Amino acid sequence: MAKPILLYGAPVQEGSRVRGCLMGPDAYRTANLAQMLETLGYEVEDHGNLSIEEQKPLSHPNTQLHHLAEYGAWTRVLCEAAHTALAIGGLPIFLGGDHSMAAGTISGIAQQAADARQEQFVLWLDAHPDFHSLESSETGNLHGTPTAYFTGHASFTPYLPALKAPIKPGNLCMMGLRSVDPAERTALAEAGVVAHDMRSIDEHGIIAPLRTFLDRVKEANGRLHLSFDVDFLDPGIAPAVGTTVPGGATFREAHLIMEMLHDSNLVTSIDLVELNPFLDERGKTARLMVDLVGSLFGKRILDRPT
């Protein structure tokens, strides 16, 4: 029997200077995410929106950083929610919210995987690697830092919670990259993160690199977390994001990835991030994201032989 799907709203917008992501969770609800999953035969529990208390500002030598205290608070709240959701046997979907929320969700799911003595893997679908340290961020936007945090970069101590189970950099696969800062490019290479930019996808396609990564997860008897940023998609089909970068994944490429993930039966937790309804066109992006989640959970045109 399929695990119940647990929805958690994460109305986080402090990681960016573009306001509007706090409306993302309710946009998914308005686009009938829960109802779509129920029509596919899943039990769905909506746990509402998470929240944090008002925070006292934190200072940092990098004066460009903003909302660092809120970043730490959201990380703690989301870490606990993610750990609990998996511990009670659910499949959590975290509805964002900007991508800084992944610092909490992924640290929580990694901790629970370690408790269960399983290897945790992460598929990061994003135009950006978000691999800045607190020192290297020039914009001060903390949604550009979560992957560095949950892979164990030392710069986040003592500002964010100490990690109990960092993600191994080699267990992190990024796809769709097309906006990478020089500091991130160097850090990614040194850490050994598996990274596929859009040129690589144009040359070799989506199937081979994704299948290679999924085979690794399966061989390790591992768990797979999907962190899906709206800006992975081309802005022509998904305009509701504050960090649009031309040349993103097409409608068919995105659906193919979701269909392959469904076939793998490996995904155990999900982030849907950076949906900014204020920038959308009559719900176009929210509806597309819900449609893609449908493919991830088995929605098909025709049955395929296995």
Protein backbone atom coordinates (compact mmCIF):
# COMPACT_ATOMS: atom_id res chain seq x y z
CA MET A 1 0.00 0.00 0.00
CA ALA A 2 1.28 3.48 -0.92
CA LYS A 3 2.47 5.75 1.86
CA PRO A 4 0.16 8.65 2.76
CA ILE A 5 1.25 11.92 1.19
CA LEU A 6 1.76 14.64 3.78
CA LEU A 7 1.58 18.25 2.56
CA TYR A 8 3.40 20.97 4.49
CA GLY A 9 3.28 24.62 3.48
CA ALA A 10 6.58 26.45 3.87
CA PRO A 11 5.78 30.13 3.21
CA VAL A 12 9.42 31.18 3.19
CA GLN A 13 10.45 34.33 1.33
CA GLU A 14 13.27 35.65 3.52
CA GLY A 15 15.92 33.91 1.38
CA SER A 16 15.26 36.25 -1.54
CA ARG A 17 14.73 39.97 -2.07
CA VAL A 18 11.79 39.28 -4.42
CA ARG A 19 8.57 39.13 -2.42
CA GLY A 20 5.74 36.72 -3.20
CA CYS A 21 6.99 33.18 -2.51
CA LEU A 22 5.11 33.10 0.78
CA MET A 23 1.96 32.72 -1.36
CA GLY A 24 3.33 29.60 -3.06
CA PRO A 25 1.80 26.97 -0.73
CA ASP A 26 -1.71 28.30 -1.16
CA ALA A 27 -1.26 28.56 -4.93
CA TYR A 28 -0.60 24.80 -5.01
CA ARG A 29 -3.73 24.23 -2.97
CA THR A 30 -5.75 26.49 -5.27
CA ALA A 31 -4.43 24.50 -8.25
CA ASN A 32 -5.91 21.36 -6.63
CA LEU A 33 -2.70 19.51 -5.82
CA ALA A 34 -4.33 17.42 -3.08
CA GLN A 35 -7.39 16.59 -5.17
CA MET A 36 -5.23 15.52 -8.12
CA LEU A 37 -3.24 13.14 -5.91
CA GLU A 38 -6.44 11.71 -4.44
CA THR A 39 -7.78 10.97 -7.92
CA LEU A 40 -4.62 8.89 -8.46
CA GLY A 41 -5.57 6.80 -5.41
CA TYR A 42 -3.35 8.35 -2.73
CA GLU A 43 -4.30 9.28 0.79
CA VAL A 44 -3.43 12.94 1.29
CA GLU A 45 -3.12 14.84 4.57
CA ASP A 46 -2.65 18.60 4.45
CA HIS A 47 -0.86 19.76 7.59
CA GLY A 48 -1.29 23.43 6.78
CA ASN A 49 1.47 26.03 6.77
CA LEU A 50 4.44 25.94 9.10
CA SER A 51 5.61 29.15 10.74
CA ILE A 52 8.41 30.70 12.76
CA GLU A 53 8.43 33.19 15.60
CA GLU A 54 9.74 36.72 15.20
CA GLN A 55 13.54 36.72 15.33
CA LYS A 56 16.19 39.11 16.66
CA PRO A 57 18.62 40.08 13.86
CA LEU A 58 21.95 38.26 13.61
CA SER A 59 25.09 40.03 12.42
CA HIS A 60 27.71 38.44 10.17
CA PRO A 61 31.05 39.64 8.71
CA ASN A 62 29.42 39.44 5.26
CA THR A 63 27.23 42.51 5.60
CA GLN A 64 25.29 41.67 2.43
CA LEU A 65 23.51 38.79 4.17
CA HIS A 66 19.93 39.49 5.19
CA HIS A 67 17.42 37.57 7.32
CA LEU A 68 20.08 35.23 8.68
CA ALA A 69 18.18 34.71 11.93
CA GLU A 70 14.99 33.82 10.04
CA TYR A 71 17.00 31.39 7.91
CA GLY A 72 18.14 29.58 11.04
CA ALA A 73 14.61 29.51 12.47
CA TRP A 74 13.06 28.12 9.28
CA THR A 75 15.84 25.54 9.07
CA ARG A 76 15.06 24.27 12.56
CA VAL A 77 11.27 24.15 11.99
CA LEU A 78 11.51 22.42 8.61
CA CYS A 79 14.17 19.97 9.79
CA GLU A 80 11.91 18.80 12.60
CA ALA A 81 8.85 18.57 10.32
CA ALA A 82 10.74 16.56 7.69
CA HIS A 83 12.21 14.17 10.24
CA THR A 84 8.82 13.61 11.87
CA ALA A 85 6.97 13.11 8.58
CA LEU A 86 9.30 10.31 7.52
CA ALA A 87 9.44 8.78 11.00
CA ILE A 88 5.65 8.30 11.00
CA GLY A 89 5.75 6.61 7.59
CA GLY A 90 4.59 9.41 5.32
CA LEU A 91 5.87 10.82 2.05
CA PRO A 92 6.20 14.57 2.67
CA ILE A 93 5.80 17.22 0.01
CA PHE A 94 6.99 20.64 1.14
CA LEU A 95 5.27 23.47 -0.69
CA GLY A 96 7.47 26.53 -0.96
CA GLY A 97 8.54 29.10 -0.46
CA ASP A 98 12.02 30.02 -1.72
CA HIS A 99 14.83 27.49 -1.99
CA SER A 100 16.43 28.41 1.33
CA MET A 101 13.82 26.06 2.82
CA ALA A 102 15.82 23.09 1.51
CA ALA A 103 18.40 23.67 4.24
CA GLY A 104 15.76 22.50 6.71
CA THR A 105 13.89 19.87 4.72
CA ILE A 106 16.98 18.08 3.47
CA SER A 107 18.83 18.18 6.79
CA GLY A 108 15.73 16.63 8.37
CA ILE A 109 15.25 13.85 5.83
CA ALA A 110 18.98 13.07 5.93
CA GLN A 111 18.83 12.75 9.71
CA GLN A 112 15.90 10.34 9.48
CA ALA A 113 17.63 8.29 6.77
CA ALA A 114 20.67 8.00 9.03
CA ASP A 115 18.41 6.84 11.86
CA ALA A 116 17.12 4.12 9.52
CA ARG A 117 20.69 3.26 8.40
CA GLN A 118 19.98 4.18 4.78
CA GLU A 119 21.95 6.34 2.37
CA GLN A 120 20.29 9.64 1.42
CA PHE A 121 20.51 11.01 -2.13
CA VAL A 122 19.23 14.31 -3.52
CA LEU A 123 18.14 15.21 -7.07
CA TRP A 124 18.39 19.00 -7.43
CA LEU A 125 16.44 20.36 -10.41
CA ASP A 126 17.40 24.02 -10.61
CA ALA A 127 18.95 26.66 -12.85
CA HIS A 128 21.27 27.47 -9.93
CA PRO A 129 23.42 25.21 -7.73
CA ASP A 130 22.76 27.31 -4.59
CA PHE A 131 26.23 26.30 -3.40
CA HIS A 132 27.42 29.57 -1.91
CA SER A 133 28.89 29.70 1.57
CA LEU A 134 27.89 32.55 3.87
CA GLU A 135 31.18 34.26 3.00
CA SER A 136 31.01 33.83 -0.78
CA SER A 137 27.47 35.14 -1.29
CA GLU A 138 27.72 38.54 -2.98
CA THR A 139 23.98 39.20 -3.11
CA GLY A 140 23.30 38.15 0.47
CA ASN A 141 20.30 36.13 -0.73
CA LEU A 142 20.28 33.01 1.39
CA HIS A 143 18.30 30.94 -1.10
CA GLY A 144 21.68 30.67 -2.83
CA THR A 145 23.26 28.70 0.05
CA PRO A 146 21.27 25.58 1.10
CA THR A 147 23.26 22.94 -0.79
CA ALA A 148 26.50 24.18 0.76
CA TYR A 149 24.85 23.98 4.18
CA PHE A 150 23.40 20.49 3.98
CA THR A 151 26.62 19.07 2.51
CA GLY A 152 28.48 20.29 5.58
CA HIS A 153 30.28 23.55 4.72
CA ALA A 154 31.82 24.97 7.87
CA SER A 155 30.76 28.59 7.27
CA PHE A 156 27.25 28.00 8.64
CA THR A 157 28.44 27.35 12.19
CA PRO A 158 27.11 28.69 14.57
CA TYR A 159 24.41 30.51 12.58
CA LEU A 160 22.42 27.44 11.49
CA PRO A 161 21.73 24.24 13.44
CA ALA A 162 24.59 21.75 13.59
CA LEU A 163 24.06 18.98 11.05
CA LYS A 164 23.55 15.48 12.42
CA ALA A 165 23.82 13.79 9.01
CA PRO A 166 25.33 15.86 6.19
CA ILE A 167 24.56 14.81 2.63
CA LYS A 168 27.64 13.38 0.92
CA PRO A 169 28.45 15.76 -1.98
CA GLY A 170 28.71 12.77 -4.33
CA ASN A 171 25.12 11.85 -3.42
CA LEU A 172 23.87 15.20 -4.73
CA CYS A 173 22.96 15.31 -8.43
CA MET A 174 22.17 18.68 -10.00
CA MET A 175 20.42 18.94 -13.35
CA GLY A 176 19.49 21.95 -15.45
CA LEU A 177 22.23 24.35 -14.30
CA ARG A 178 22.62 27.48 -16.41
CA SER A 179 23.52 30.22 -13.91
CA VAL A 180 26.59 29.37 -11.81
CA ASP A 181 28.78 31.95 -10.10
CA PRO A 182 32.60 31.53 -10.24
CA ALA A 183 32.86 30.78 -6.51
CA GLU A 184 30.20 28.10 -6.85
CA ARG A 185 31.87 26.56 -9.91
CA THR A 186 35.10 26.12 -7.98
CA ALA A 187 33.36 24.80 -4.86
CA LEU A 188 31.28 22.27 -6.84
CA ALA A 189 34.37 20.86 -8.53
CA GLU A 190 36.29 20.61 -5.26
CA ALA A 191 33.38 18.94 -3.45
CA GLY A 192 32.66 16.36 -6.15
CA VAL A 193 28.98 17.19 -6.67
CA VAL A 194 27.44 15.52 -9.74
CA ALA A 195 26.39 18.48 -11.88
CA HIS A 196 24.79 18.57 -15.34
CA ASP A 197 24.32 21.94 -16.98
CA MET A 198 21.94 22.59 -19.86
CA ARG A 199 24.72 22.24 -22.43
CA SER A 200 25.35 18.71 -21.18
CA ILE A 201 21.63 17.97 -21.42
CA ASP A 202 21.49 19.46 -24.93
CA GLU A 203 24.41 17.26 -26.01
CA HIS A 204 23.53 14.01 -24.25
CA GLY A 205 19.86 14.27 -23.32
CA ILE A 206 18.11 13.81 -20.00
CA ILE A 207 17.72 10.04 -19.92
CA ALA A 208 21.31 8.78 -19.62
CA PRO A 209 22.53 10.98 -16.73
CA LEU A 210 19.29 10.56 -14.77
CA ARG A 211 19.26 6.79 -15.26
CA THR A 212 22.90 6.59 -14.12
CA PHE A 213 22.07 8.50 -10.93
CA LEU A 214 18.92 6.46 -10.21
CA ASP A 215 20.91 3.25 -10.66
CA ARG A 216 23.35 4.48 -8.00
CA VAL A 217 20.52 5.17 -5.57
CA LYS A 218 19.03 1.74 -6.20
CA GLU A 219 22.37 -0.06 -5.81
CA ALA A 220 22.89 1.65 -2.45
CA ASN A 221 19.34 0.78 -1.31
CA GLY A 222 19.10 4.51 -0.77
CA ARG A 223 16.38 7.11 -0.37
CA LEU A 224 15.86 9.89 -2.90
CA HIS A 225 14.74 13.43 -2.15
CA LEU A 226 13.56 15.56 -5.08
CA SER A 227 14.10 19.32 -4.76
CA PHE A 228 12.33 20.96 -7.71
CA ASP A 229 12.83 24.67 -8.35
CA VAL A 230 10.38 26.33 -10.74
CA ASP A 231 13.32 28.00 -12.52
CA PHE A 232 14.51 24.57 -13.68
CA LEU A 233 11.77 25.04 -16.29
CA ASP A 234 12.01 27.43 -19.19
CA PRO A 235 10.38 30.76 -18.23
CA GLY A 236 8.28 30.58 -21.38
CA ILE A 237 6.23 27.80 -19.79
CA ALA A 238 6.78 28.71 -16.11
CA PRO A 239 6.99 32.49 -15.61
CA ALA A 240 6.10 32.56 -11.89
CA VAL A 241 9.61 32.73 -10.46
CA GLY A 242 11.78 35.63 -9.34
CA THR A 243 14.99 34.18 -10.78
CA THR A 244 14.10 33.40 -14.41
CA VAL A 245 16.95 32.16 -16.60
CA PRO A 246 16.28 31.52 -20.31
CA GLY A 247 16.91 28.11 -21.81
CA GLY A 248 15.38 25.88 -19.16
CA ALA A 249 13.81 22.45 -19.40
CA THR A 250 10.94 21.98 -21.82
CA PHE A 251 7.49 20.67 -20.99
CA ARG A 252 8.37 17.22 -22.33
CA GLU A 253 11.80 17.04 -20.67
CA ALA A 254 10.24 17.86 -17.30
CA HIS A 255 7.46 15.30 -17.70
CA LEU A 256 9.97 12.66 -18.79
CA ILE A 257 12.02 13.22 -15.64
CA MET A 258 8.91 12.90 -13.48
CA GLU A 259 7.82 9.74 -15.29
CA MET A 260 11.27 8.17 -14.86
CA LEU A 261 11.24 9.05 -11.17
CA HIS A 262 7.85 7.40 -10.80
CA ASP A 263 9.08 4.26 -12.55
CA SER A 264 12.10 4.11 -10.24
CA ASN A 265 9.91 4.03 -7.08
CA LEU A 266 12.78 5.70 -5.22
CA VAL A 267 11.43 9.15 -4.27
CA THR A 268 10.69 9.39 -0.56
CA SER A 269 10.34 13.18 -0.07
CA ILE A 270 9.88 16.29 -2.20
CA ASP A 271 10.40 20.06 -2.21
CA LEU A 272 8.47 22.27 -4.65
CA VAL A 273 10.12 25.67 -4.42
CA GLU A 274 10.31 29.24 -5.72
CA LEU A 275 6.73 29.43 -7.00
CA ASN A 276 5.83 33.13 -6.85
CA PRO A 277 2.12 33.50 -7.72
CA PHE A 278 2.49 37.30 -7.86
CA LEU A 279 4.51 36.79 -11.07
CA ASP A 280 2.28 34.12 -12.61
CA GLU A 281 -0.13 34.35 -15.54
CA ARG A 282 -3.57 33.25 -14.28
CA GLY A 283 -2.10 30.29 -12.39
CA LYS A 284 -0.24 28.91 -15.42
CA THR A 285 2.89 27.90 -13.51
CA ALA A 286 1.06 26.47 -10.50
CA ARG A 287 -1.07 24.30 -12.78
CA LEU A 288 1.99 23.08 -14.67
CA MET A 289 3.78 22.16 -11.44
CA VAL A 290 0.72 20.24 -10.24
CA ASP A 291 0.59 18.44 -13.59
CA LEU A 292 4.26 17.48 -13.22
CA VAL A 293 3.64 16.16 -9.72
CA GLY A 294 0.87 14.06 -11.26
CA SER A 295 3.41 12.44 -13.59
CA LEU A 296 5.70 11.83 -10.62
CA PHE A 297 2.90 9.93 -8.88
CA GLY A 298 1.84 7.83 -11.82
CA LYS A 299 -0.47 9.86 -14.03
CA ARG A 300 -0.20 8.39 -17.54
CA ILE A 301 -1.68 8.68 -21.00
CA LEU A 302 -1.16 4.98 -21.78
CA ASP A 303 -0.04 2.05 -19.67
CA ARG A 304 3.51 0.92 -20.40
CA PRO A 305 4.78 -2.65 -20.14
CA THR A 306 7.29 -3.19 -17.36
